[in-house]
């Protein structure tokens, strides 16, 4: 296994808004930075509530994972930060569509309520995924 790390970047997800990368690929792993509900074209928070924001977060994560050679089926760990735990059920429904579709084994997950998130969004999610061997 290589000790090198590769920065993963795609225009299909928002640019980093600080000194960090969208994701880092290390060996056969990819570690995403936390993604919030920013539209990659406008760099603005999408309008709407938790459902709209969660959908945008998953679209961003999907683009980043794919740019790094992985995908939702290979996620092993998710961390979810919610501004309000009352939004858990709505977020969890969207989470399940992407990371635990019918018959799929869901990844490990941590979910916490936090007092504030970047740009005052409602949810932020980061993922750790395997990069499957080339076939």
C-alpha atoms as a PDB file:
ATOM      1  CA  UNK A   1       0.000   0.000   0.000  1.00  0.00           C
ATOM      2  CA  UNK A   2       1.270   3.432  -0.902  1.00  0.00           C
ATOM      3  CA  UNK A   3       1.955   5.971   1.811  1.00  0.00           C
ATOM      4  CA  UNK A   4       1.130   8.734  -0.632  1.00  0.00           C
ATOM      5  CA  UNK A   5      -2.009  10.744  -0.509  1.00  0.00           C
ATOM      6  CA  UNK A   6      -3.820  12.305  -3.424  1.00  0.00           C
ATOM      7  CA  UNK A   7      -6.046  15.349  -3.247  1.00  0.00           C
ATOM      8  CA  UNK A   8      -9.473  14.741  -4.776  1.00  0.00           C
ATOM      9  CA  UNK A   9     -11.176  17.687  -6.431  1.00  0.00           C
ATOM     10  CA  UNK A  10     -14.163  18.086  -8.724  1.00  0.00           C
ATOM     11  CA  UNK A  11     -16.116  21.008 -10.162  1.00  0.00           C
ATOM     12  CA  UNK A  12     -19.289  18.965  -9.533  1.00  0.00           C
ATOM     13  CA  UNK A  13     -19.080  19.826  -5.812  1.00  0.00           C
ATOM     14  CA  UNK A  14     -18.504  23.158  -4.058  1.00  0.00           C
ATOM     15  CA  UNK A  15     -14.980  24.522  -3.862  1.00  0.00           C
ATOM     16  CA  UNK A  16     -13.430  24.311  -0.420  1.00  0.00           C
ATOM     17  CA  UNK A  17     -14.214  27.487   1.548  1.00  0.00           C
ATOM     18  CA  UNK A  18     -11.113  27.192   3.715  1.00  0.00           C
ATOM     19  CA  UNK A  19      -7.692  25.553   3.900  1.00  0.00           C
ATOM     20  CA  UNK A  20      -8.857  21.994   3.226  1.00  0.00           C
ATOM     21  CA  UNK A  21      -9.503  19.635   0.304  1.00  0.00           C
ATOM     22  CA  UNK A  22     -12.822  18.233  -0.872  1.00  0.00           C
ATOM     23  CA  UNK A  23     -11.348  14.809  -0.143  1.00  0.00           C
ATOM     24  CA  UNK A  24      -8.081  12.978   0.292  1.00  0.00           C
ATOM     25  CA  UNK A  25      -7.365   9.590  -1.206  1.00  0.00           C
ATOM     26  CA  UNK A  26      -4.876   7.525   0.817  1.00  0.00           C
ATOM     27  CA  UNK A  27      -4.148   3.999  -0.337  1.00  0.00           C
ATOM     28  CA  UNK A  28      -7.497   2.370  -1.054  1.00  0.00           C
ATOM     29  CA  UNK A  29      -9.421   4.814   1.141  1.00  0.00           C
ATOM     30  CA  UNK A  30     -11.102   8.136   0.464  1.00  0.00           C
ATOM     31  CA  UNK A  31     -11.871  10.608   3.250  1.00  0.00           C
ATOM     32  CA  UNK A  32     -14.264  13.423   2.359  1.00  0.00           C
ATOM     33  CA  UNK A  33     -14.363  16.750   4.076  1.00  0.00           C
ATOM     34  CA  UNK A  34     -17.678  17.665   5.606  1.00  0.00           C
ATOM     35  CA  UNK A  35     -20.117  18.744   2.927  1.00  0.00           C
ATOM     36  CA  UNK A  36     -22.834  21.306   3.419  1.00  0.00           C
ATOM     37  CA  UNK A  37     -25.703  22.329   1.162  1.00  0.00           C
ATOM     38  CA  UNK A  38     -23.745  24.571  -1.190  1.00  0.00           C
ATOM     39  CA  UNK A  39     -24.636  24.621  -4.864  1.00  0.00           C
ATOM     40  CA  UNK A  40     -21.352  24.007  -6.732  1.00  0.00           C
ATOM     41  CA  UNK A  41     -22.194  26.567  -9.436  1.00  0.00           C
ATOM     42  CA  UNK A  42     -23.159  29.463  -7.174  1.00  0.00           C
ATOM     43  CA  UNK A  43     -21.313  28.523  -3.953  1.00  0.00           C
ATOM     44  CA  UNK A  44     -24.534  29.580  -2.178  1.00  0.00           C
ATOM     45  CA  UNK A  45     -26.629  27.576   0.295  1.00  0.00           C
ATOM     46  CA  UNK A  46     -29.612  25.962  -1.428  1.00  0.00           C
ATOM     47  CA  UNK A  47     -33.024  27.233  -0.416  1.00  0.00           C
ATOM     48  CA  UNK A  48     -35.447  25.106   1.555  1.00  0.00           C
ATOM     49  CA  UNK A  49     -35.325  23.068   4.718  1.00  0.00           C
ATOM     50  CA  UNK A  50     -33.565  19.945   5.907  1.00  0.00           C
ATOM     51  CA  UNK A  51     -34.782  17.755   3.008  1.00  0.00           C
ATOM     52  CA  UNK A  52     -33.473  20.112   0.325  1.00  0.00           C
ATOM     53  CA  UNK A  53     -30.219  20.646   2.181  1.00  0.00           C
ATOM     54  CA  UNK A  54     -29.651  16.930   2.776  1.00  0.00           C
ATOM     55  CA  UNK A  55     -30.268  16.153  -0.913  1.00  0.00           C
ATOM     56  CA  UNK A  56     -27.685  18.763  -1.929  1.00  0.00           C
ATOM     57  CA  UNK A  57     -25.184  17.394   0.600  1.00  0.00           C
ATOM     58  CA  UNK A  58     -25.559  13.896  -0.853  1.00  0.00           C
ATOM     59  CA  UNK A  59     -25.218  15.212  -4.418  1.00  0.00           C
ATOM     60  CA  UNK A  60     -21.961  16.898  -3.392  1.00  0.00           C
ATOM     61  CA  UNK A  61     -20.691  13.777  -1.625  1.00  0.00           C
ATOM     62  CA  UNK A  62     -21.581  11.569  -4.597  1.00  0.00           C
ATOM     63  CA  UNK A  63     -19.605  13.803  -6.966  1.00  0.00           C
ATOM     64  CA  UNK A  64     -16.573  13.811  -4.678  1.00  0.00           C
ATOM     65  CA  UNK A  65     -16.612  10.051  -4.106  1.00  0.00           C
ATOM     66  CA  UNK A  66     -16.913   9.402  -7.835  1.00  0.00           C
ATOM     67  CA  UNK A  67     -14.039  11.809  -8.578  1.00  0.00           C
ATOM     68  CA  UNK A  68     -11.963   9.760  -6.138  1.00  0.00           C
ATOM     69  CA  UNK A  69     -12.884   6.406  -7.673  1.00  0.00           C
ATOM     70  CA  UNK A  70     -15.507   5.307  -5.161  1.00  0.00           C
ATOM     71  CA  UNK A  71     -19.239   5.614  -4.527  1.00  0.00           C
ATOM     72  CA  UNK A  72     -21.980   5.309  -1.946  1.00  0.00           C
ATOM     73  CA  UNK A  73     -21.916   1.485  -2.080  1.00  0.00           C
ATOM     74  CA  UNK A  74     -18.355   1.569  -0.682  1.00  0.00           C
ATOM     75  CA  UNK A  75     -18.942   3.933   2.278  1.00  0.00           C
ATOM     76  CA  UNK A  76     -17.846   2.394   5.581  1.00  0.00           C
ATOM     77  CA  UNK A  77     -18.350   5.361   7.960  1.00  0.00           C
ATOM     78  CA  UNK A  78     -20.506   8.472   7.993  1.00  0.00           C
ATOM     79  CA  UNK A  79     -20.545  11.360  10.408  1.00  0.00           C
ATOM     80  CA  UNK A  80     -23.652  13.548  10.442  1.00  0.00           C
ATOM     81  CA  UNK A  81     -23.824  16.927  12.158  1.00  0.00           C
ATOM     82  CA  UNK A  82     -27.325  18.346  12.648  1.00  0.00           C
ATOM     83  CA  UNK A  83     -28.142  21.852  13.809  1.00  0.00           C
ATOM     84  CA  UNK A  84     -31.400  20.539  15.292  1.00  0.00           C
ATOM     85  CA  UNK A  85     -31.949  16.908  16.240  1.00  0.00           C
ATOM     86  CA  UNK A  86     -35.648  17.393  15.489  1.00  0.00           C
ATOM     87  CA  UNK A  87     -34.526  17.142  11.835  1.00  0.00           C
ATOM     88  CA  UNK A  88     -33.185  13.612  12.385  1.00  0.00           C
ATOM     89  CA  UNK A  89     -36.143  11.704  10.856  1.00  0.00           C
ATOM     90  CA  UNK A  90     -36.195  13.808   7.677  1.00  0.00           C
ATOM     91  CA  UNK A  91     -32.413  13.593   7.277  1.00  0.00           C
ATOM     92  CA  UNK A  92     -32.420   9.869   8.065  1.00  0.00           C
ATOM     93  CA  UNK A  93     -34.956   9.173   5.318  1.00  0.00           C
ATOM     94  CA  UNK A  94     -32.756  10.847   2.700  1.00  0.00           C
ATOM     95  CA  UNK A  95     -29.626   9.267   4.189  1.00  0.00           C
ATOM     96  CA  UNK A  96     -31.208   5.819   3.817  1.00  0.00           C
ATOM     97  CA  UNK A  97     -32.023   6.436   0.130  1.00  0.00           C
ATOM     98  CA  UNK A  98     -28.351   7.094  -0.605  1.00  0.00           C
ATOM     99  CA  UNK A  99     -26.390   4.997   1.903  1.00  0.00           C
ATOM    100  CA  UNK A 100     -28.755   2.193   2.882  1.00  0.00           C
ATOM    101  CA  UNK A 101     -31.029   1.382  -0.064  1.00  0.00           C
ATOM    102  CA  UNK A 102     -33.158  -1.755   0.250  1.00  0.00           C
ATOM    103  CA  UNK A 103     -30.988  -4.803   0.774  1.00  0.00           C
ATOM    104  CA  UNK A 104     -27.721  -2.873   1.234  1.00  0.00           C
ATOM    105  CA  UNK A 105     -25.724  -3.035   4.441  1.00  0.00           C
ATOM    106  CA  UNK A 106     -25.543   0.494   5.863  1.00  0.00           C
ATOM    107  CA  UNK A 107     -22.219   2.003   6.920  1.00  0.00           C
ATOM    108  CA  UNK A 108     -21.285   2.765  10.509  1.00  0.00           C
ATOM    109  CA  UNK A 109     -22.520   6.219  11.526  1.00  0.00           C
ATOM    110  CA  UNK A 110     -22.233   8.876  14.174  1.00  0.00           C
ATOM    111  CA  UNK A 111     -24.924  11.571  14.361  1.00  0.00           C
ATOM    112  CA  UNK A 112     -24.659  14.552  16.678  1.00  0.00           C
ATOM    113  CA  UNK A 113     -26.466  17.827  17.243  1.00  0.00           C
ATOM    114  CA  UNK A 114     -24.207  20.867  17.115  1.00  0.00           C
ATOM    115  CA  UNK A 115     -24.856  24.492  18.012  1.00  0.00           C
ATOM    116  CA  UNK A 116     -23.745  25.925  14.687  1.00  0.00           C
ATOM    117  CA  UNK A 117     -22.516  24.844  11.255  1.00  0.00           C
ATOM    118  CA  UNK A 118     -20.734  26.748   8.468  1.00  0.00           C
ATOM    119  CA  UNK A 119     -22.969  29.306   6.749  1.00  0.00           C
ATOM    120  CA  UNK A 120     -25.681  28.405   9.301  1.00  0.00           C
ATOM    121  CA  UNK A 121     -26.739  25.313   7.334  1.00  0.00           C
ATOM    122  CA  UNK A 122     -28.898  22.612   8.911  1.00  0.00           C
ATOM    123  CA  UNK A 123     -26.695  19.577   8.167  1.00  0.00           C
ATOM    124  CA  UNK A 124     -23.096  18.643   7.388  1.00  0.00           C
ATOM    125  CA  UNK A 125     -21.923  15.129   6.507  1.00  0.00           C
ATOM    126  CA  UNK A 126     -18.514  13.573   5.915  1.00  0.00           C
ATOM    127  CA  UNK A 127     -17.764  10.064   4.675  1.00  0.00           C
ATOM    128  CA  UNK A 128     -15.004   7.479   4.657  1.00  0.00           C
ATOM    129  CA  UNK A 129     -15.143   4.983   1.791  1.00  0.00           C
ATOM    130  CA  UNK A 130     -13.145   2.208   0.239  1.00  0.00           C
ATOM    131  CA  UNK A 131     -11.905   2.563  -3.293  1.00  0.00           C
ATOM    132  CA  UNK A 132     -12.668  -0.734  -5.010  1.00  0.00           C
ATOM    133  CA  UNK A 133      -9.878  -2.533  -6.848  1.00  0.00           C
ATOM    134  CA  UNK A 134      -9.957  -2.124 -10.607  1.00  0.00           C
ATOM    135  CA  UNK A 135     -11.611  -5.031 -12.294  1.00  0.00           C
END
